Amino acid sequence: MGYGFQWHAVGKRKNATARIWMRRGNGNIVVNKRSLDTYFGGHEPLKMLLAQPLTLTETTNSFDIYVNVQGGGIAGQAGAIRHGIAKALVAANLELRKPLKKNGFLTRDARIKERKKYGLRGARRRFQFSKR
């Protein structure tokens, strides 16, 4: 969904939802009104994870990205941001779809926590069996 100068996309992972606004710029990424380094702190692998679509398409310094992310934990939020950035890049330039799709950045990772069942300790974990 392009709005001329700005593109918008939504990315999801586990219970996290990231709303992405992308416009032409020089590579600033702002997450929940904080810089990327402030929000993710010393989690370098997560910062690299969410920048993967930009490095793959060589558009690291081409766009300013504003992110509003909520729900889930820090790793799920990073995955949601990665998914949203990939979708926004496709909205900005349709030619980027093929490499992003090939590397799996456009696929929503559907693995979420399984619900706890009644009569069990967890989703599948049973109570200890006692014969006597």
N, C-alpha and C. Protein backbone atom coordinates (compact mmCIF):
# COMPACT_ATOMS: atom_id res chain seq x y z
N MET A 1 0.84 -1.18 0.00
CA MET A 1 0.00 0.00 0.00
C MET A 1 0.88 1.24 0.00
N GLY A 2 1.15 1.80 -1.14
CA GLY A 2 1.98 2.99 -1.21
C GLY A 2 1.16 4.25 -1.17
N TYR A 3 1.67 5.23 -0.46
CA TYR A 3 1.00 6.52 -0.40
C TYR A 3 1.87 7.57 -1.08
N GLY A 4 2.51 7.19 -2.18
CA GLY A 4 3.37 8.12 -2.89
C GLY A 4 4.73 8.22 -2.23
N PHE A 5 4.83 9.02 -1.21
CA PHE A 5 6.11 9.24 -0.55
C PHE A 5 6.32 8.30 0.64
N GLN A 6 5.30 7.56 1.02
CA GLN A 6 5.38 6.73 2.23
C GLN A 6 4.71 5.39 1.98
N TRP A 7 5.31 4.32 2.56
CA TRP A 7 4.74 2.99 2.44
C TRP A 7 4.46 2.43 3.82
N HIS A 8 3.40 1.65 3.92
CA HIS A 8 2.97 1.09 5.20
C HIS A 8 2.79 -0.41 5.06
N ALA A 9 3.18 -1.15 6.10
CA ALA A 9 2.99 -2.61 6.11
C ALA A 9 2.88 -3.07 7.56
N VAL A 10 2.32 -4.26 7.73
CA VAL A 10 2.18 -4.87 9.05
C VAL A 10 2.90 -6.21 9.03
N GLY A 11 3.76 -6.43 10.02
CA GLY A 11 4.46 -7.70 10.14
C GLY A 11 4.08 -8.38 11.44
N LYS A 12 4.05 -9.72 11.42
CA LYS A 12 3.67 -10.46 12.62
C LYS A 12 4.61 -11.63 12.85
N ARG A 13 4.80 -11.96 14.14
CA ARG A 13 5.61 -13.12 14.53
C ARG A 13 5.22 -13.47 15.96
N LYS A 14 4.87 -14.73 16.21
CA LYS A 14 4.38 -15.17 17.51
C LYS A 14 3.22 -14.27 17.94
N ASN A 15 3.32 -13.59 19.08
CA ASN A 15 2.24 -12.70 19.51
C ASN A 15 2.57 -11.24 19.26
N ALA A 16 3.63 -10.96 18.53
CA ALA A 16 4.06 -9.59 18.28
C ALA A 16 3.49 -9.09 16.95
N THR A 17 3.09 -7.82 16.94
CA THR A 17 2.60 -7.16 15.74
C THR A 17 3.38 -5.87 15.54
N ALA A 18 3.95 -5.69 14.36
CA ALA A 18 4.73 -4.49 14.06
C ALA A 18 4.10 -3.73 12.90
N ARG A 19 3.79 -2.46 13.13
CA ARG A 19 3.30 -1.58 12.07
C ARG A 19 4.48 -0.76 11.58
N ILE A 20 4.72 -0.80 10.28
CA ILE A 20 5.90 -0.19 9.68
C ILE A 20 5.48 0.95 8.76
N TRP A 21 6.12 2.11 8.92
CA TRP A 21 5.99 3.22 7.97
C TRP A 21 7.38 3.48 7.42
N MET A 22 7.48 3.50 6.10
CA MET A 22 8.78 3.63 5.46
C MET A 22 8.73 4.78 4.45
N ARG A 23 9.74 5.65 4.51
CA ARG A 23 9.85 6.71 3.52
C ARG A 23 11.30 6.86 3.10
N ARG A 24 11.51 7.54 1.99
CA ARG A 24 12.87 7.75 1.50
C ARG A 24 13.65 8.54 2.54
N GLY A 25 14.90 8.15 2.75
CA GLY A 25 15.72 8.81 3.76
C GLY A 25 17.14 8.28 3.74
N ASN A 26 17.76 8.25 4.93
CA ASN A 26 19.16 7.84 4.98
C ASN A 26 19.43 6.70 5.95
N GLY A 27 18.44 5.85 6.22
CA GLY A 27 18.68 4.63 6.97
C GLY A 27 18.37 4.67 8.45
N ASN A 28 17.64 5.67 8.93
CA ASN A 28 17.28 5.71 10.36
C ASN A 28 16.15 4.73 10.63
N ILE A 29 16.27 3.99 11.73
CA ILE A 29 15.20 3.09 12.15
C ILE A 29 14.79 3.51 13.55
N VAL A 30 13.50 3.86 13.73
CA VAL A 30 12.97 4.29 15.01
C VAL A 30 11.91 3.27 15.44
N VAL A 31 12.08 2.68 16.63
CA VAL A 31 11.16 1.67 17.15
C VAL A 31 10.48 2.23 18.39
N ASN A 32 9.15 2.35 18.35
CA ASN A 32 8.37 2.88 19.47
C ASN A 32 8.95 4.21 19.98
N LYS A 33 9.24 5.12 19.05
CA LYS A 33 9.76 6.46 19.33
C LYS A 33 11.14 6.44 20.00
N ARG A 34 11.86 5.32 19.88
CA ARG A 34 13.22 5.22 20.40
C ARG A 34 14.13 4.72 19.29
N SER A 35 15.41 5.01 19.40
CA SER A 35 16.34 4.53 18.38
C SER A 35 16.47 3.01 18.47
N LEU A 36 16.95 2.43 17.41
CA LEU A 36 17.11 0.96 17.35
C LEU A 36 18.04 0.47 18.46
N ASP A 37 19.16 1.20 18.68
CA ASP A 37 20.13 0.80 19.71
C ASP A 37 19.54 0.91 21.11
N THR A 38 18.71 1.91 21.35
CA THR A 38 18.09 2.08 22.67
C THR A 38 17.07 0.98 22.91
N TYR A 39 16.25 0.68 21.90
CA TYR A 39 15.17 -0.28 22.09
C TYR A 39 15.68 -1.71 22.27
N PHE A 40 16.64 -2.12 21.42
CA PHE A 40 17.15 -3.49 21.48
C PHE A 40 18.42 -3.62 22.31
N GLY A 41 18.97 -2.49 22.78
CA GLY A 41 20.12 -2.53 23.67
C GLY A 41 21.28 -3.31 23.08
N GLY A 42 21.80 -4.28 23.85
CA GLY A 42 22.96 -5.05 23.41
C GLY A 42 22.62 -6.29 22.63
N HIS A 43 21.38 -6.43 22.17
CA HIS A 43 20.96 -7.62 21.43
C HIS A 43 21.35 -7.47 19.95
N GLU A 44 22.64 -7.61 19.66
CA GLU A 44 23.14 -7.43 18.30
C GLU A 44 22.53 -8.42 17.30
N PRO A 45 22.36 -9.72 17.66
CA PRO A 45 21.76 -10.65 16.70
C PRO A 45 20.34 -10.23 16.29
N LEU A 46 19.57 -9.66 17.22
CA LEU A 46 18.21 -9.22 16.88
C LEU A 46 18.24 -8.01 15.96
N LYS A 47 19.20 -7.12 16.18
CA LYS A 47 19.33 -5.94 15.30
C LYS A 47 19.70 -6.38 13.88
N MET A 48 20.60 -7.39 13.80
CA MET A 48 20.98 -7.92 12.49
C MET A 48 19.80 -8.64 11.84
N LEU A 49 19.01 -9.35 12.65
CA LEU A 49 17.85 -10.09 12.14
C LEU A 49 16.85 -9.16 11.47
N LEU A 50 16.52 -8.05 12.13
CA LEU A 50 15.50 -7.18 11.55
C LEU A 50 16.03 -6.36 10.37
N ALA A 51 17.35 -6.26 10.24
CA ALA A 51 17.92 -5.52 9.11
C ALA A 51 18.19 -6.42 7.91
N GLN A 52 17.93 -7.73 8.02
CA GLN A 52 18.23 -8.66 6.93
C GLN A 52 17.57 -8.30 5.59
N PRO A 53 16.28 -7.92 5.56
CA PRO A 53 15.70 -7.56 4.26
C PRO A 53 16.38 -6.36 3.62
N LEU A 54 16.83 -5.41 4.44
CA LEU A 54 17.50 -4.22 3.92
C LEU A 54 18.88 -4.56 3.36
N THR A 55 19.63 -5.41 4.08
CA THR A 55 20.96 -5.78 3.60
C THR A 55 20.87 -6.65 2.35
N LEU A 56 19.88 -7.54 2.28
CA LEU A 56 19.71 -8.40 1.11
C LEU A 56 19.43 -7.58 -0.14
N THR A 57 18.56 -6.58 -0.01
CA THR A 57 18.15 -5.77 -1.16
C THR A 57 19.05 -4.55 -1.36
N GLU A 58 20.08 -4.40 -0.50
CA GLU A 58 21.04 -3.29 -0.58
C GLU A 58 20.34 -1.93 -0.52
N THR A 59 19.36 -1.81 0.38
CA THR A 59 18.63 -0.55 0.56
C THR A 59 18.79 -0.03 2.00
N THR A 60 19.92 -0.39 2.64
CA THR A 60 20.13 -0.04 4.05
C THR A 60 20.08 1.46 4.28
N ASN A 61 20.65 2.26 3.39
CA ASN A 61 20.70 3.70 3.57
C ASN A 61 19.72 4.44 2.67
N SER A 62 18.69 3.76 2.17
CA SER A 62 17.75 4.38 1.24
C SER A 62 16.45 4.81 1.89
N PHE A 63 16.10 4.21 3.04
CA PHE A 63 14.80 4.48 3.64
C PHE A 63 14.93 4.79 5.13
N ASP A 64 14.06 5.68 5.61
CA ASP A 64 13.87 5.88 7.04
C ASP A 64 12.67 5.04 7.44
N ILE A 65 12.79 4.29 8.53
CA ILE A 65 11.74 3.35 8.93
C ILE A 65 11.26 3.71 10.32
N TYR A 66 9.95 3.88 10.45
CA TYR A 66 9.32 4.14 11.74
C TYR A 66 8.47 2.94 12.10
N VAL A 67 8.70 2.38 13.29
CA VAL A 67 8.06 1.13 13.69
C VAL A 67 7.25 1.36 14.96
N ASN A 68 6.04 0.80 14.98
CA ASN A 68 5.25 0.72 16.20
C ASN A 68 5.01 -0.76 16.43
N VAL A 69 5.61 -1.31 17.50
CA VAL A 69 5.53 -2.75 17.74
C VAL A 69 4.98 -3.00 19.13
N GLN A 70 4.12 -4.02 19.24
CA GLN A 70 3.57 -4.37 20.54
C GLN A 70 3.29 -5.86 20.60
N GLY A 71 3.23 -6.38 21.84
CA GLY A 71 2.93 -7.80 22.05
C GLY A 71 4.16 -8.67 21.96
N GLY A 72 4.10 -9.81 22.62
CA GLY A 72 5.18 -10.78 22.54
C GLY A 72 6.42 -10.34 23.28
N GLY A 73 7.51 -11.04 23.04
CA GLY A 73 8.80 -10.73 23.65
C GLY A 73 9.70 -10.04 22.65
N ILE A 74 10.93 -9.81 23.06
CA ILE A 74 11.84 -9.02 22.24
C ILE A 74 12.23 -9.75 20.94
N ALA A 75 12.37 -11.08 20.99
CA ALA A 75 12.74 -11.84 19.79
C ALA A 75 11.57 -11.89 18.80
N GLY A 76 10.35 -12.08 19.32
CA GLY A 76 9.18 -12.07 18.46
C GLY A 76 8.96 -10.72 17.83
N GLN A 77 9.24 -9.65 18.57
CA GLN A 77 9.10 -8.30 18.03
C GLN A 77 10.11 -8.06 16.92
N ALA A 78 11.33 -8.55 17.07
CA ALA A 78 12.35 -8.39 16.02
C ALA A 78 11.91 -9.13 14.75
N GLY A 79 11.36 -10.33 14.92
CA GLY A 79 10.86 -11.09 13.76
C GLY A 79 9.69 -10.40 13.08
N ALA A 80 8.82 -9.79 13.89
CA ALA A 80 7.68 -9.06 13.33
C ALA A 80 8.14 -7.84 12.55
N ILE A 81 9.15 -7.15 13.07
CA ILE A 81 9.69 -5.97 12.37
C ILE A 81 10.32 -6.39 11.05
N ARG A 82 11.07 -7.51 11.06
CA ARG A 82 11.69 -8.03 9.83
C ARG A 82 10.62 -8.33 8.78
N HIS A 83 9.54 -8.99 9.20
CA HIS A 83 8.45 -9.33 8.29
C HIS A 83 7.81 -8.07 7.72
N GLY A 84 7.58 -7.07 8.58
CA GLY A 84 6.96 -5.82 8.13
C GLY A 84 7.84 -5.04 7.19
N ILE A 85 9.14 -4.99 7.48
CA ILE A 85 10.07 -4.26 6.60
C ILE A 85 10.10 -4.90 5.23
N ALA A 86 10.10 -6.23 5.17
CA ALA A 86 10.11 -6.93 3.88
C ALA A 86 8.85 -6.61 3.08
N LYS A 87 7.70 -6.60 3.75
CA LYS A 87 6.45 -6.28 3.06
C LYS A 87 6.42 -4.83 2.59
N ALA A 88 6.99 -3.92 3.38
CA ALA A 88 7.04 -2.50 2.98
C ALA A 88 7.98 -2.31 1.79
N LEU A 89 9.09 -3.05 1.76
CA LEU A 89 10.01 -2.96 0.62
C LEU A 89 9.34 -3.41 -0.67
N VAL A 90 8.53 -4.46 -0.59
CA VAL A 90 7.80 -4.93 -1.77
C VAL A 90 6.78 -3.88 -2.22
N ALA A 91 6.14 -3.21 -1.25
CA ALA A 91 5.19 -2.16 -1.59
C ALA A 91 5.90 -0.99 -2.28
N ALA A 92 7.14 -0.72 -1.87
CA ALA A 92 7.90 0.37 -2.46
C ALA A 92 8.44 0.01 -3.84
N ASN A 93 8.88 -1.23 -4.00
CA ASN A 93 9.48 -1.66 -5.27
C ASN A 93 9.14 -3.12 -5.50
N LEU A 94 8.29 -3.39 -6.46
CA LEU A 94 7.81 -4.75 -6.74
C LEU A 94 8.93 -5.68 -7.21
N GLU A 95 10.02 -5.13 -7.75
CA GLU A 95 11.12 -5.96 -8.23
C GLU A 95 11.88 -6.65 -7.09
N LEU A 96 11.72 -6.13 -5.86
CA LEU A 96 12.41 -6.73 -4.71
C LEU A 96 11.68 -7.96 -4.19
N ARG A 97 10.48 -8.24 -4.70
CA ARG A 97 9.69 -9.35 -4.20
C ARG A 97 10.39 -10.71 -4.38
N LYS A 98 10.99 -10.92 -5.53
CA LYS A 98 11.60 -12.22 -5.83
C LYS A 98 12.72 -12.58 -4.86
N PRO A 99 13.72 -11.71 -4.63
CA PRO A 99 14.78 -12.10 -3.67
C PRO A 99 14.26 -12.22 -2.24
N LEU A 100 13.32 -11.37 -1.85
CA LEU A 100 12.78 -11.43 -0.49
C LEU A 100 11.98 -12.71 -0.29
N LYS A 101 11.20 -13.09 -1.28
CA LYS A 101 10.39 -14.32 -1.20
C LYS A 101 11.30 -15.55 -1.16
N LYS A 102 12.36 -15.51 -1.98
CA LYS A 102 13.30 -16.64 -2.05
C LYS A 102 13.97 -16.90 -0.71
N ASN A 103 14.26 -15.83 0.03
CA ASN A 103 14.92 -15.97 1.33
C ASN A 103 13.94 -16.11 2.49
N GLY A 104 12.65 -16.15 2.19
CA GLY A 104 11.64 -16.44 3.20
C GLY A 104 11.25 -15.27 4.09
N PHE A 105 11.55 -14.04 3.68
CA PHE A 105 11.22 -12.88 4.50
C PHE A 105 9.76 -12.46 4.39
N LEU A 106 9.07 -12.90 3.34
CA LEU A 106 7.66 -12.52 3.16
C LEU A 106 6.71 -13.54 3.77
N THR A 107 7.24 -14.67 4.22
CA THR A 107 6.40 -15.71 4.81
C THR A 107 6.20 -15.42 6.28
N ARG A 108 4.96 -15.41 6.72
CA ARG A 108 4.64 -15.17 8.12
C ARG A 108 4.91 -16.45 8.88
N ASP A 109 5.80 -16.40 9.87
CA ASP A 109 6.13 -17.58 10.67
C ASP A 109 4.95 -17.85 11.60
N ALA A 110 4.21 -18.92 11.34
CA ALA A 110 2.94 -19.17 12.02
C ALA A 110 3.10 -19.91 13.35
N ARG A 111 4.35 -20.18 13.76
CA ARG A 111 4.54 -20.93 15.01
C ARG A 111 4.24 -20.05 16.21
N ILE A 112 3.17 -20.39 16.93
CA ILE A 112 2.82 -19.66 18.15
C ILE A 112 2.71 -20.66 19.29
N LYS A 113 2.65 -20.17 20.51
CA LYS A 113 2.58 -21.03 21.67
C LYS A 113 1.28 -21.81 21.67
N GLU A 114 1.39 -23.11 21.91
CA GLU A 114 0.21 -23.98 21.94
C GLU A 114 -0.52 -23.80 23.27
N ARG A 115 -1.85 -23.81 23.23
CA ARG A 115 -2.61 -23.57 24.45
C ARG A 115 -2.55 -24.76 25.40
N LYS A 116 -2.69 -24.47 26.68
CA LYS A 116 -2.70 -25.51 27.70
C LYS A 116 -4.03 -26.24 27.65
N LYS A 117 -3.99 -27.59 27.72
CA LYS A 117 -5.21 -28.40 27.74
C LYS A 117 -5.58 -28.73 29.18
N TYR A 118 -6.88 -28.87 29.42
CA TYR A 118 -7.33 -29.23 30.77
C TYR A 118 -6.88 -30.64 31.11
N GLY A 119 -6.61 -30.89 32.38
CA GLY A 119 -6.16 -32.21 32.82
C GLY A 119 -4.68 -32.46 32.61
N LEU A 120 -3.97 -31.49 32.04
CA LEU A 120 -2.54 -31.61 31.81
C LEU A 120 -1.81 -30.47 32.49
N ARG A 121 -0.47 -30.65 32.64
CA ARG A 121 0.32 -29.60 33.28
C ARG A 121 0.63 -28.46 32.34
N GLY A 122 0.77 -28.78 31.06
CA GLY A 122 1.06 -27.76 30.05
C GLY A 122 0.26 -28.08 28.81
N ALA A 123 0.80 -27.73 27.65
CA ALA A 123 0.10 -28.04 26.41
C ALA A 123 0.06 -29.54 26.16
N ARG A 124 1.19 -30.22 26.44
CA ARG A 124 1.26 -31.67 26.23
C ARG A 124 1.81 -32.42 27.45
N ARG A 125 2.46 -31.71 28.34
CA ARG A 125 3.09 -32.32 29.51
C ARG A 125 2.02 -32.87 30.45
N ARG A 126 2.20 -34.17 30.82
CA ARG A 126 1.24 -34.80 31.73
C ARG A 126 1.77 -34.80 33.15
N PHE A 127 0.89 -35.06 34.10
CA PHE A 127 1.32 -35.24 35.47
C PHE A 127 2.04 -36.57 35.59
N GLN A 128 2.90 -36.71 36.60
CA GLN A 128 3.67 -37.94 36.78
C GLN A 128 2.73 -39.10 37.11
N PHE A 129 2.95 -40.21 36.40
CA PHE A 129 2.12 -41.40 36.61
C PHE A 129 2.58 -42.16 37.85
N SER A 130 1.63 -42.55 38.67
CA SER A 130 1.95 -43.35 39.85
C SER A 130 1.12 -44.63 39.82
N LYS A 131 1.80 -45.77 39.76
CA LYS A 131 1.07 -47.04 39.68
C LYS A 131 0.41 -47.36 41.04
N ARG A 132 1.11 -46.99 42.12
CA ARG A 132 0.56 -47.25 43.47
C ARG A 132 0.49 -45.96 44.25
